[in-house]
Amino acid sequence: MNDSNSEIETIAAALTALQQHINQLVIGQDAVVRQVMVAMLAGGHVLIEGVPGLGKTLLVQSMASGIGAAFKRIQFTPDLMPGDVTGHVMFDMAQSKFVLKQGPIFTNLLLADEINRAPAKTQAALLEVMQEYQVTLDGKSMPIEQPFMVLATQNPIEHEGTYPLPEAELDRFIIKVNIGYPEVADELHLATQNAARAIGSPVSTRRNLIDIPQAQRVCANIDVDQRVAEYAVSLVRQTRETTLLRHGGGPRASIALLKCAKANAMLAGKHFVTPDDVKSMAIPVLRHRVILAPEVEIDGMNADQVLSGLIDKVEAPRS
């Protein structure tokens, strides 16, 4: 076994420890936790959709505590201004000069709670940092400390007083995670655990279970066979060639799918990507990048159902 494979196995073990740490706090959402960890390894951002009370904030808090990272939360509201997110220049009377006040965006894990409740100009404050990992204030570009990840939430039911996320912003989220209600046993465990927790008690002590920037570098170098890469691109192109979708995934979706497939392989301790890694991440990567045709919406189908059918039509490479 070469040094590269040994390093992947070491990191995979640390990732398992991190996943167990989060699952102890976020009960009954194992699949969601895994998808968020895939996005983190791939160096991307996550859009989480689910009704209130399913542990979205707790998920981010527990991940931050597990990797020893800074965490901040922004509650998006209609009156939130771009400067409330990025920061602004203000005059300091004591120093008799203008000083730069950094906003909550200067952190490691940023929870953008109910992001669709803020208008487009405020949502756009995240575009630069999500793509370039820097913030420009008063003409000065400042890099964001790594690791950095935006986890944005939105409610799928309540649409009154919300603003749709523009396509340019949606495309910057590497995956979209749908979080649902836990199973009966998990909900019972969740209820009893939280009922016994005192108000104001910390979620968890901060730990340093893994070096995320190092894990991201190793993940980026995982091998992808040419046929597997062609399979990933074919899946994305299929969304542009069907009449079931008015808008399909673009080249950024192909890049995101390969990155997430690498991360999925790494979580399993593998040093190469298989077609199953690609297939398992296709729907989370594509569901927010496609727009259904009007007749498909009338028939009551959703994006996941359409994508599942399209994925089955593309033949996976055989070893």
Protein backbone atom coordinates (compact mmCIF):
# COMPACT_ATOMS: atom_id res chain seq x y z
CA MET A 1 0.00 0.00 0.00
CA ASN A 2 1.43 3.38 -0.98
CA ASP A 3 1.54 6.49 1.22
CA SER A 4 -1.39 8.09 -0.62
CA ASN A 5 -3.74 5.17 0.10
CA SER A 6 -2.62 5.07 3.73
CA GLU A 7 -3.33 8.80 4.08
CA ILE A 8 -6.82 8.34 2.65
CA GLU A 9 -7.55 5.55 5.14
CA THR A 10 -6.32 7.72 8.03
CA ILE A 11 -8.51 10.63 6.96
CA ALA A 12 -11.49 8.30 6.38
CA ALA A 13 -11.15 7.07 9.98
CA ALA A 14 -11.13 10.68 11.23
CA LEU A 15 -14.19 11.43 9.08
CA THR A 16 -15.99 8.46 10.61
CA ALA A 17 -15.24 9.83 14.08
CA LEU A 18 -16.59 13.24 13.03
CA GLN A 19 -19.71 11.67 11.55
CA GLN A 20 -20.33 9.72 14.78
CA HIS A 21 -19.84 12.91 16.81
CA ILE A 22 -22.48 14.72 14.75
CA ASN A 23 -24.90 11.77 14.72
CA GLN A 24 -24.83 11.67 18.53
CA LEU A 25 -26.27 15.19 18.55
CA VAL A 26 -28.33 15.26 15.37
CA ILE A 27 -30.58 12.25 15.85
CA GLY A 28 -32.07 10.32 12.93
CA GLN A 29 -30.50 12.32 10.09
CA ASP A 30 -27.58 10.07 9.12
CA ALA A 31 -28.07 10.53 5.35
CA VAL A 32 -28.27 14.32 5.73
CA VAL A 33 -25.10 14.39 7.85
CA ARG A 34 -23.25 12.32 5.26
CA GLN A 35 -24.30 14.61 2.39
CA VAL A 36 -23.21 17.71 4.31
CA MET A 37 -19.84 16.07 5.01
CA VAL A 38 -19.50 15.26 1.30
CA ALA A 39 -20.06 18.94 0.49
CA MET A 40 -17.50 19.98 3.11
CA LEU A 41 -14.86 17.63 1.69
CA ALA A 42 -15.61 18.84 -1.82
CA GLY A 43 -15.07 22.43 -0.67
CA GLY A 44 -18.63 23.47 -1.50
CA HIS A 45 -21.68 25.01 0.12
CA VAL A 46 -25.01 23.42 1.04
CA LEU A 47 -28.63 24.45 0.66
CA ILE A 48 -30.77 22.63 3.25
CA GLU A 49 -34.53 22.52 2.75
CA GLY A 50 -36.84 21.37 5.52
CA VAL A 51 -39.55 22.52 7.90
CA PRO A 52 -38.50 24.22 11.18
CA GLY A 53 -37.44 22.11 14.13
CA LEU A 54 -35.53 19.36 12.32
CA GLY A 55 -32.11 20.24 13.71
CA LYS A 56 -30.61 22.32 10.89
CA THR A 57 -28.95 24.77 13.29
CA LEU A 58 -27.82 21.94 15.56
CA LEU A 59 -26.25 20.19 12.57
CA VAL A 60 -24.03 23.20 11.83
CA GLN A 61 -23.19 23.75 15.50
CA SER A 62 -22.19 20.12 16.03
CA MET A 63 -20.06 20.09 12.87
CA ALA A 64 -18.28 23.27 13.98
CA SER A 65 -17.62 21.79 17.42
CA GLY A 66 -16.28 18.58 15.87
CA ILE A 67 -13.68 20.31 13.70
CA GLY A 68 -12.82 23.08 16.19
CA ALA A 69 -14.09 25.78 13.83
CA ALA A 70 -15.76 29.14 14.34
CA PHE A 71 -19.52 29.25 13.73
CA LYS A 72 -21.86 32.17 13.12
CA ARG A 73 -25.55 32.38 12.31
CA ILE A 74 -27.40 35.05 10.33
CA GLN A 75 -31.19 35.19 10.51
CA PHE A 76 -32.22 36.43 7.06
CA THR A 77 -35.15 38.84 7.17
CA PRO A 78 -36.72 41.25 4.64
CA ASP A 79 -34.97 44.25 6.23
CA LEU A 80 -31.51 42.65 6.33
CA MET A 81 -28.96 44.72 4.40
CA PRO A 82 -25.83 43.51 2.54
CA GLY A 83 -23.64 45.33 5.08
CA ASP A 84 -25.24 43.31 7.86
CA VAL A 85 -23.73 40.23 6.21
CA THR A 86 -20.34 41.37 4.90
CA GLY A 87 -19.60 44.28 7.25
CA HIS A 88 -19.11 47.96 6.53
CA VAL A 89 -16.87 50.99 6.97
CA MET A 90 -17.78 53.27 9.87
CA PHE A 91 -16.32 56.41 11.43
CA ASP A 92 -14.66 55.82 14.81
CA MET A 93 -15.04 58.99 16.89
CA ALA A 94 -12.35 57.91 19.38
CA GLN A 95 -9.75 57.40 16.64
CA SER A 96 -11.11 60.15 14.37
CA LYS A 97 -10.90 57.89 11.32
CA PHE A 98 -12.89 55.39 9.31
CA VAL A 99 -12.48 51.78 10.42
CA LEU A 100 -13.58 48.52 8.91
CA LYS A 101 -16.10 46.50 10.88
CA GLN A 102 -16.19 42.89 9.71
CA GLY A 103 -19.57 41.20 9.42
CA PRO A 104 -20.57 37.69 10.49
CA ILE A 105 -19.45 36.34 7.11
CA PHE A 106 -15.90 36.27 8.51
CA THR A 107 -16.09 32.83 10.09
CA ASN A 108 -15.56 29.16 9.19
CA LEU A 109 -19.11 27.79 9.13
CA LEU A 110 -21.83 30.30 8.30
CA LEU A 111 -25.48 29.37 8.81
CA ALA A 112 -27.66 31.53 6.54
CA ASP A 113 -31.00 30.76 8.19
CA GLU A 114 -34.10 31.14 5.99
CA ILE A 115 -32.03 32.71 3.25
CA ASN A 116 -35.04 33.19 0.98
CA ARG A 117 -36.59 35.72 3.40
CA ALA A 118 -34.08 38.40 2.40
CA PRO A 119 -34.30 40.35 -0.89
CA ALA A 120 -32.03 39.61 -3.84
CA LYS A 121 -29.52 42.39 -3.07
CA THR A 122 -28.87 40.90 0.37
CA GLN A 123 -28.66 37.35 -0.96
CA ALA A 124 -26.15 38.64 -3.53
CA ALA A 125 -23.81 39.63 -0.68
CA LEU A 126 -22.91 35.94 -0.47
CA LEU A 127 -22.07 35.47 -4.17
CA GLU A 128 -18.46 36.68 -4.04
CA VAL A 129 -17.49 34.82 -0.89
CA MET A 130 -19.10 31.58 -2.06
CA GLN A 131 -17.18 31.63 -5.34
CA GLU A 132 -13.95 33.51 -4.62
CA TYR A 133 -13.63 32.94 -0.84
CA GLN A 134 -13.02 36.63 -0.32
CA VAL A 135 -15.03 39.73 0.62
CA THR A 136 -14.59 43.16 -0.94
CA LEU A 137 -15.26 46.11 1.37
CA ASP A 138 -14.50 49.71 0.48
CA GLY A 139 -12.56 48.53 -2.58
CA LYS A 140 -10.35 46.20 -0.55
CA SER A 141 -10.49 42.41 -1.06
CA MET A 142 -10.02 40.34 2.08
CA PRO A 143 -9.64 36.55 2.00
CA ILE A 144 -11.81 34.37 4.22
CA GLU A 145 -10.03 32.01 6.60
CA GLN A 146 -10.20 28.35 5.59
CA PRO A 147 -12.10 26.16 5.99
CA PHE A 148 -15.14 28.18 4.96
CA MET A 149 -18.60 26.87 4.20
CA VAL A 150 -22.04 28.40 3.81
CA LEU A 151 -24.99 26.29 4.95
CA ALA A 152 -28.21 28.01 3.94
CA THR A 153 -31.70 26.88 4.98
CA GLN A 154 -35.13 27.46 3.55
CA ASN A 155 -38.65 26.33 4.45
CA PRO A 156 -40.35 24.34 1.63
CA ILE A 157 -43.88 25.03 2.91
CA GLU A 158 -44.13 28.69 3.87
CA HIS A 159 -43.67 30.97 0.83
CA GLU A 160 -45.39 34.17 2.01
CA GLY A 161 -42.86 36.97 2.35
CA THR A 162 -40.06 35.02 0.67
CA TYR A 163 -37.88 35.78 -2.34
CA PRO A 164 -36.81 33.04 -4.79
CA LEU A 165 -33.08 32.39 -4.92
CA PRO A 166 -31.62 33.54 -8.27
CA GLU A 167 -30.14 30.88 -10.53
CA ALA A 168 -26.61 32.29 -10.13
CA GLU A 169 -26.84 31.78 -6.38
CA LEU A 170 -28.44 28.34 -6.55
CA ASP A 171 -25.66 27.17 -8.84
CA ARG A 172 -23.07 28.09 -6.19
CA PHE A 173 -24.46 25.52 -3.77
CA ILE A 174 -22.67 22.26 -4.54
CA ILE A 175 -25.61 20.20 -3.28
CA LYS A 176 -29.15 20.66 -2.01
CA VAL A 177 -30.16 18.49 0.93
CA ASN A 178 -33.78 17.69 1.71
CA ILE A 179 -34.20 17.05 5.43
CA GLY A 180 -37.33 15.21 6.58
CA TYR A 181 -38.89 13.99 9.81
CA PRO A 182 -36.99 11.29 11.76
CA GLU A 183 -38.27 7.74 12.24
CA VAL A 184 -40.41 6.96 15.33
CA ALA A 185 -37.56 5.50 17.42
CA ASP A 186 -35.25 8.40 16.52
CA GLU A 187 -37.93 10.99 17.35
CA LEU A 188 -38.53 9.32 20.72
CA HIS A 189 -34.79 9.40 21.46
CA LEU A 190 -34.62 13.03 20.31
CA ALA A 191 -37.57 14.07 22.48
CA THR A 192 -36.32 12.40 25.66
CA GLN A 193 -32.75 13.63 25.17
CA ASN A 194 -33.74 17.25 24.67
CA ALA A 195 -36.35 17.21 27.42
CA ALA A 196 -33.59 16.31 29.87
CA ARG A 197 -31.20 19.04 28.68
CA ALA A 198 -31.04 22.22 30.75
CA ILE A 199 -31.69 25.56 29.05
CA GLY A 200 -28.46 27.19 27.91
CA SER A 201 -26.34 24.03 28.21
CA PRO A 202 -23.67 23.82 25.48
CA VAL A 203 -24.27 21.56 22.50
CA SER A 204 -20.82 20.00 22.75
CA THR A 205 -17.28 20.80 23.77
CA ARG A 206 -15.05 21.87 20.91
CA ARG A 207 -12.89 19.11 19.48
CA ASN A 208 -10.39 18.87 16.64
CA LEU A 209 -11.26 15.54 15.05
CA ILE A 210 -9.86 16.30 11.59
CA ASP A 211 -7.84 18.85 9.62
CA ILE A 212 -10.42 19.87 7.01
CA PRO A 213 -8.12 21.79 4.60
CA GLN A 214 -5.76 18.80 4.48
CA ALA A 215 -8.68 16.40 3.91
CA GLN A 216 -9.94 18.63 1.08
CA ARG A 217 -6.52 18.60 -0.62
CA VAL A 218 -6.27 14.81 -0.43
CA CYS A 219 -9.87 14.46 -1.64
CA ALA A 220 -9.17 16.61 -4.70
CA ASN A 221 -6.40 14.20 -5.75
CA ILE A 222 -8.48 11.02 -5.65
CA ASP A 223 -8.30 9.14 -8.97
CA VAL A 224 -11.16 9.33 -11.45
CA ASP A 225 -11.11 6.96 -14.42
CA GLN A 226 -11.86 8.60 -17.77
CA ARG A 227 -14.95 6.42 -18.27
CA VAL A 228 -16.31 7.39 -14.85
CA ALA A 229 -15.76 11.07 -15.64
CA GLU A 230 -17.57 10.61 -18.96
CA TYR A 231 -20.44 8.92 -17.09
CA ALA A 232 -20.76 11.91 -14.73
CA VAL A 233 -20.82 14.38 -17.61
CA SER A 234 -23.36 12.22 -19.48
CA LEU A 235 -25.71 12.32 -16.48
CA VAL A 236 -25.57 16.12 -16.40
CA ARG A 237 -25.97 16.47 -20.18
CA GLN A 238 -29.01 14.20 -20.04
CA THR A 239 -30.79 16.91 -18.03
CA ARG A 240 -30.25 19.33 -20.94
CA GLU A 241 -31.50 16.92 -23.60
CA THR A 242 -34.87 15.92 -22.14
CA THR A 243 -38.23 17.57 -22.69
CA LEU A 244 -39.16 16.87 -19.07
CA LEU A 245 -36.98 19.75 -17.92
CA ARG A 246 -37.18 23.37 -19.03
CA HIS A 247 -33.66 23.99 -17.74
CA GLY A 248 -30.90 21.45 -17.06
CA GLY A 249 -27.57 21.44 -15.28
CA GLY A 250 -24.61 23.33 -16.75
CA PRO A 251 -20.85 22.70 -16.70
CA ARG A 252 -20.67 23.75 -13.04
CA ALA A 253 -22.97 20.81 -12.26
CA SER A 254 -20.53 18.40 -13.96
CA ILE A 255 -17.67 19.79 -11.88
CA ALA A 256 -19.75 19.57 -8.69
CA LEU A 257 -20.78 15.98 -9.41
CA LEU A 258 -17.19 14.80 -9.85
CA LYS A 259 -16.08 16.65 -6.70
CA CYS A 260 -18.88 15.12 -4.65
CA ALA A 261 -18.22 11.66 -6.09
CA LYS A 262 -14.59 11.97 -4.95
CA ALA A 263 -15.74 13.01 -1.47
CA ASN A 264 -18.22 10.15 -1.31
CA ALA A 265 -15.44 7.70 -2.21
CA MET A 266 -13.16 9.22 0.42
CA LEU A 267 -15.78 8.83 3.15
CA ALA A 268 -15.77 5.12 2.33
CA GLY A 269 -11.98 4.99 2.52
CA LYS A 270 -11.55 4.38 -1.22
CA HIS A 271 -8.72 5.90 -3.29
CA PHE A 272 -10.70 5.89 -6.56
CA VAL A 273 -14.19 6.87 -7.72
CA THR A 274 -16.72 4.27 -8.85
CA PRO A 275 -19.88 4.79 -10.97
CA ASP A 276 -21.91 4.17 -7.79
CA ASP A 277 -20.22 7.19 -6.14
CA VAL A 278 -21.31 9.32 -9.09
CA LYS A 279 -24.83 7.91 -9.18
CA SER A 280 -25.42 8.32 -5.43
CA MET A 281 -24.55 12.03 -5.57
CA ALA A 282 -26.31 12.91 -8.84
CA ILE A 283 -29.69 13.88 -7.36
CA PRO A 284 -28.33 16.04 -4.48
CA VAL A 285 -26.06 17.83 -6.96
CA LEU A 286 -28.71 18.36 -9.64
CA ARG A 287 -32.08 18.80 -7.87
CA HIS A 288 -31.66 22.57 -7.35
CA ARG A 289 -30.10 23.20 -10.75
CA VAL A 290 -32.98 21.99 -12.90
CA ILE A 291 -36.38 23.51 -13.68
CA LEU A 292 -39.30 21.24 -14.50
CA ALA A 293 -41.28 21.62 -17.71
CA PRO A 294 -44.78 23.08 -17.06
CA GLU A 295 -46.58 19.89 -18.09
CA VAL A 296 -44.43 17.85 -15.68
CA GLU A 297 -45.35 20.16 -12.80
CA ILE A 298 -49.03 19.83 -13.71
CA ASP A 299 -48.65 16.04 -13.49
CA GLY A 300 -47.41 16.47 -9.91
CA MET A 301 -43.88 15.16 -10.43
CA ASN A 302 -40.93 16.65 -8.57
CA ALA A 303 -37.30 17.12 -9.58
CA ASP A 304 -36.09 14.03 -7.72
CA GLN A 305 -38.53 11.78 -9.56
CA VAL A 306 -37.58 13.18 -12.97
CA LEU A 307 -33.85 12.95 -12.24
CA SER A 308 -34.17 9.38 -10.99
CA GLY A 309 -35.74 8.36 -14.30
CA LEU A 310 -33.09 10.18 -16.33
CA ILE A 311 -30.23 8.62 -14.32
CA ASP A 312 -31.59 5.12 -15.00
CA LYS A 313 -31.44 5.80 -18.74
CA VAL A 314 -27.68 6.47 -18.74
CA GLU A 315 -25.63 3.29 -18.82
CA ALA A 316 -22.90 3.17 -16.20
CA PRO A 317 -19.42 1.97 -17.22
CA ARG A 318 -18.52 -1.59 -16.25
CA SER A 319 -15.17 -2.62 -14.81
